[in-house]
Each structure stands twice: as C-alpha cells, then as structure tokens.
C-alpha cells in the first residue's frame, strides 16, 4: 500500500513539473496520473 501511494505521489509530482500550456492539457495530465496510479495499485 505504501509503495503504491509513493508511486502515485511521484507521478503527481512529475505531472505538475512537466509543462502544459492549457487548462485542458493540465486536465489530461491529471487524468493520466490517475490512470497510472490505479494501474500501480492494481
């Protein structure tokens, strides 16, 4: 459980540090982090 949360947190940090030029791009980045977090948990 801790490992999954750590991976999800690192992915979130990565998503926020990558540049996105629009709010839509930010939404897509957040969605991709969510999907990656779910896959890591499963």
PDB file of N, CA and C in Angstrom:
ATOM      1  N   UNK A   1       0.825  -1.194   0.000  1.00  0.00           N
ATOM      2  CA  UNK A   1       0.000   0.000   0.000  1.00  0.00           C
ATOM      3  C   UNK A   1       0.871   1.262   0.000  1.00  0.00           C
ATOM      4  N   UNK A   2       1.877   1.279   0.838  1.00  0.00           N
ATOM      5  CA  UNK A   2       2.775   2.440   0.910  1.00  0.00           C
ATOM      6  C   UNK A   2       3.505   2.628  -0.410  1.00  0.00           C
ATOM      7  N   UNK A   3       3.938   1.515  -1.013  1.00  0.00           N
ATOM      8  CA  UNK A   3       4.652   1.600  -2.282  1.00  0.00           C
ATOM      9  C   UNK A   3       3.755   2.210  -3.358  1.00  0.00           C
ATOM     10  N   UNK A   4       2.488   1.788  -3.394  1.00  0.00           N
ATOM     11  CA  UNK A   4       1.546   2.310  -4.386  1.00  0.00           C
ATOM     12  C   UNK A   4       1.317   3.803  -4.192  1.00  0.00           C
ATOM     13  N   UNK A   5       1.168   4.216  -2.937  1.00  0.00           N
ATOM     14  CA  UNK A   5       0.963   5.636  -2.668  1.00  0.00           C
ATOM     15  C   UNK A   5       2.201   6.448  -3.024  1.00  0.00           C
ATOM     16  N   UNK A   6       3.364   5.895  -2.785  1.00  0.00           N
ATOM     17  CA  UNK A   6       4.607   6.574  -3.139  1.00  0.00           C
ATOM     18  C   UNK A   6       4.712   6.758  -4.640  1.00  0.00           C
ATOM     19  N   UNK A   7       4.392   5.707  -5.382  1.00  0.00           N
ATOM     20  CA  UNK A   7       4.433   5.790  -6.843  1.00  0.00           C
ATOM     21  C   UNK A   7       3.435   6.828  -7.341  1.00  0.00           C
ATOM     22  N   UNK A   8       2.224   6.802  -6.796  1.00  0.00           N
ATOM     23  CA  UNK A   8       1.202   7.774  -7.205  1.00  0.00           C
ATOM     24  C   UNK A   8       1.658   9.198  -6.894  1.00  0.00           C
ATOM     25  N   UNK A   9       2.274   9.402  -5.735  1.00  0.00           N
ATOM     26  CA  UNK A   9       2.749  10.737  -5.365  1.00  0.00           C
ATOM     27  C   UNK A   9       3.868  11.194  -6.301  1.00  0.00           C
ATOM     28  N   UNK A  10       4.780  10.296  -6.638  1.00  0.00           N
ATOM     29  CA  UNK A  10       5.851  10.654  -7.563  1.00  0.00           C
ATOM     30  C   UNK A  10       5.310  10.992  -8.944  1.00  0.00           C
ATOM     31  N   UNK A  11       4.317  10.249  -9.387  1.00  0.00           N
ATOM     32  CA  UNK A  11       3.702  10.543 -10.680  1.00  0.00           C
ATOM     33  C   UNK A  11       3.008  11.907 -10.659  1.00  0.00           C
ATOM     34  N   UNK A  12       2.380  12.220  -9.541  1.00  0.00           N
ATOM     35  CA  UNK A  12       1.716  13.522  -9.418  1.00  0.00           C
ATOM     36  C   UNK A  12       2.732  14.655  -9.479  1.00  0.00           C
ATOM     37  N   UNK A  13       3.850  14.483  -8.815  1.00  0.00           N
ATOM     38  CA  UNK A  13       4.908  15.496  -8.849  1.00  0.00           C
ATOM     39  C   UNK A  13       5.445  15.636 -10.267  1.00  0.00           C
ATOM     40  N   UNK A  14       5.646  14.514 -10.925  1.00  0.00           N
ATOM     41  CA  UNK A  14       6.137  14.547 -12.301  1.00  0.00           C
ATOM     42  C   UNK A  14       5.161  15.287 -13.206  1.00  0.00           C
ATOM     43  N   UNK A  15       3.884  15.020 -13.039  1.00  0.00           N
ATOM     44  CA  UNK A  15       2.875  15.668 -13.874  1.00  0.00           C
ATOM     45  C   UNK A  15       2.837  17.172 -13.635  1.00  0.00           C
ATOM     46  N   UNK A  16       3.038  17.590 -12.401  1.00  0.00           N
ATOM     47  CA  UNK A  16       2.979  19.027 -12.123  1.00  0.00           C
ATOM     48  C   UNK A  16       4.244  19.745 -12.562  1.00  0.00           C
ATOM     49  N   UNK A  17       5.347  19.018 -12.666  1.00  0.00           N
ATOM     50  CA  UNK A  17       6.585  19.680 -13.080  1.00  0.00           C
ATOM     51  C   UNK A  17       6.723  19.743 -14.589  1.00  0.00           C
ATOM     52  N   UNK A  18       5.985  18.900 -15.309  1.00  0.00           N
ATOM     53  CA  UNK A  18       6.035  18.973 -16.767  1.00  0.00           C
ATOM     54  C   UNK A  18       5.173  20.140 -17.228  1.00  0.00           C
ATOM     55  N   UNK A  19       5.606  20.802 -18.249  1.00  0.00           N
ATOM     56  CA  UNK A  19       4.893  21.988 -18.712  1.00  0.00           C
ATOM     57  C   UNK A  19       3.658  21.606 -19.511  1.00  0.00           C
ATOM     58  N   UNK A  20       2.563  22.259 -19.189  1.00  0.00           N
ATOM     59  CA  UNK A  20       1.377  22.147 -20.031  1.00  0.00           C
ATOM     60  C   UNK A  20       0.887  23.572 -20.273  1.00  0.00           C
ATOM     61  N   UNK A  21       0.524  23.852 -21.489  1.00  0.00           N
ATOM     62  CA  UNK A  21       0.226  25.231 -21.864  1.00  0.00           C
ATOM     63  C   UNK A  21      -1.226  25.631 -21.643  1.00  0.00           C
ATOM     64  N   UNK A  22      -2.110  24.662 -21.442  1.00  0.00           N
ATOM     65  CA  UNK A  22      -3.516  24.998 -21.306  1.00  0.00           C
ATOM     66  C   UNK A  22      -4.124  24.275 -20.116  1.00  0.00           C
ATOM     67  N   UNK A  23      -5.272  24.729 -19.698  1.00  0.00           N
ATOM     68  CA  UNK A  23      -6.008  24.058 -18.629  1.00  0.00           C
ATOM     69  C   UNK A  23      -6.414  22.666 -19.095  1.00  0.00           C
ATOM     70  N   UNK A  24      -6.782  22.532 -20.363  1.00  0.00           N
ATOM     71  CA  UNK A  24      -7.134  21.225 -20.916  1.00  0.00           C
ATOM     72  C   UNK A  24      -5.935  20.278 -20.812  1.00  0.00           C
ATOM     73  N   UNK A  25      -4.765  20.767 -21.128  1.00  0.00           N
ATOM     74  CA  UNK A  25      -3.554  19.955 -21.020  1.00  0.00           C
ATOM     75  C   UNK A  25      -3.301  19.519 -19.591  1.00  0.00           C
ATOM     76  N   UNK A  26      -3.548  20.419 -18.635  1.00  0.00           N
ATOM     77  CA  UNK A  26      -3.390  20.086 -17.229  1.00  0.00           C
ATOM     78  C   UNK A  26      -4.377  18.995 -16.832  1.00  0.00           C
ATOM     79  N   UNK A  27      -5.618  19.105 -17.304  1.00  0.00           N
ATOM     80  CA  UNK A  27      -6.626  18.092 -17.015  1.00  0.00           C
ATOM     81  C   UNK A  27      -6.226  16.733 -17.570  1.00  0.00           C
ATOM     82  N   UNK A  28      -5.674  16.724 -18.756  1.00  0.00           N
ATOM     83  CA  UNK A  28      -5.219  15.465 -19.361  1.00  0.00           C
ATOM     84  C   UNK A  28      -4.062  14.878 -18.561  1.00  0.00           C
ATOM     85  N   UNK A  29      -3.153  15.744 -18.096  1.00  0.00           N
ATOM     86  CA  UNK A  29      -2.029  15.278 -17.285  1.00  0.00           C
ATOM     87  C   UNK A  29      -2.527  14.655 -15.985  1.00  0.00           C
ATOM     88  N   UNK A  30      -3.473  15.301 -15.338  1.00  0.00           N
ATOM     89  CA  UNK A  30      -4.011  14.784 -14.083  1.00  0.00           C
ATOM     90  C   UNK A  30      -4.719  13.456 -14.317  1.00  0.00           C
ATOM     91  N   UNK A  31      -5.459  13.363 -15.426  1.00  0.00           N
ATOM     92  CA  UNK A  31      -6.138  12.106 -15.748  1.00  0.00           C
ATOM     93  C   UNK A  31      -5.140  10.976 -15.965  1.00  0.00           C
ATOM     94  N   UNK A  32      -4.056  11.278 -16.660  1.00  0.00           N
ATOM     95  CA  UNK A  32      -3.067  10.235 -16.915  1.00  0.00           C
ATOM     96  C   UNK A  32      -2.379   9.793 -15.627  1.00  0.00           C
ATOM     97  N   UNK A  33      -2.172  10.723 -14.717  1.00  0.00           N
ATOM     98  CA  UNK A  33      -1.590  10.361 -13.418  1.00  0.00           C
ATOM     99  C   UNK A  33      -2.558   9.471 -12.644  1.00  0.00           C
ATOM    100  N   UNK A  34      -3.836   9.792 -12.706  1.00  0.00           N
ATOM    101  CA  UNK A  34      -4.841   8.973 -12.040  1.00  0.00           C
ATOM    102  C   UNK A  34      -4.872   7.555 -12.591  1.00  0.00           C
ATOM    103  N   UNK A  35      -4.817   7.444 -13.915  1.00  0.00           N
ATOM    104  CA  UNK A  35      -4.814   6.112 -14.535  1.00  0.00           C
ATOM    105  C   UNK A  35      -3.556   5.341 -14.145  1.00  0.00           C
ATOM    106  N   UNK A  36      -2.429   6.006 -14.165  1.00  0.00           N
ATOM    107  CA  UNK A  36      -1.170   5.343 -13.794  1.00  0.00           C
ATOM    108  C   UNK A  36      -1.193   4.921 -12.328  1.00  0.00           C
ATOM    109  N   UNK A  37      -1.762   5.741 -11.473  1.00  0.00           N
ATOM    110  CA  UNK A  37      -1.873   5.390 -10.064  1.00  0.00           C
ATOM    111  C   UNK A  37      -2.762   4.167  -9.854  1.00  0.00           C
ATOM    112  N   UNK A  38      -3.888   4.123 -10.591  1.00  0.00           N
ATOM    113  CA  UNK A  38      -4.780   2.962 -10.482  1.00  0.00           C
ATOM    114  C   UNK A  38      -4.072   1.687 -10.955  1.00  0.00           C
ATOM    115  N   UNK A  39      -3.329   1.803 -12.044  1.00  0.00           N
ATOM    116  CA  UNK A  39      -2.595   0.634 -12.562  1.00  0.00           C
ATOM    117  C   UNK A  39      -1.533   0.190 -11.565  1.00  0.00           C
ATOM    118  N   UNK A  40      -0.876   1.137 -10.911  1.00  0.00           N
ATOM    119  CA  UNK A  40       0.166   0.787  -9.936  1.00  0.00           C
ATOM    120  C   UNK A  40      -0.447   0.098  -8.724  1.00  0.00           C
ATOM    121  N   UNK A  41      -1.629   0.547  -8.326  1.00  0.00           N
ATOM    122  CA  UNK A  41      -2.302  -0.047  -7.179  1.00  0.00           C
ATOM    123  C   UNK A  41      -2.777  -1.454  -7.494  1.00  0.00           C
ATOM    124  N   UNK A  42      -3.283  -1.643  -8.726  1.00  0.00           N
ATOM    125  CA  UNK A  42      -3.763  -2.969  -9.124  1.00  0.00           C
ATOM    126  C   UNK A  42      -2.588  -3.867  -9.337  1.00  0.00           C
TER     127      UNK A  42
END
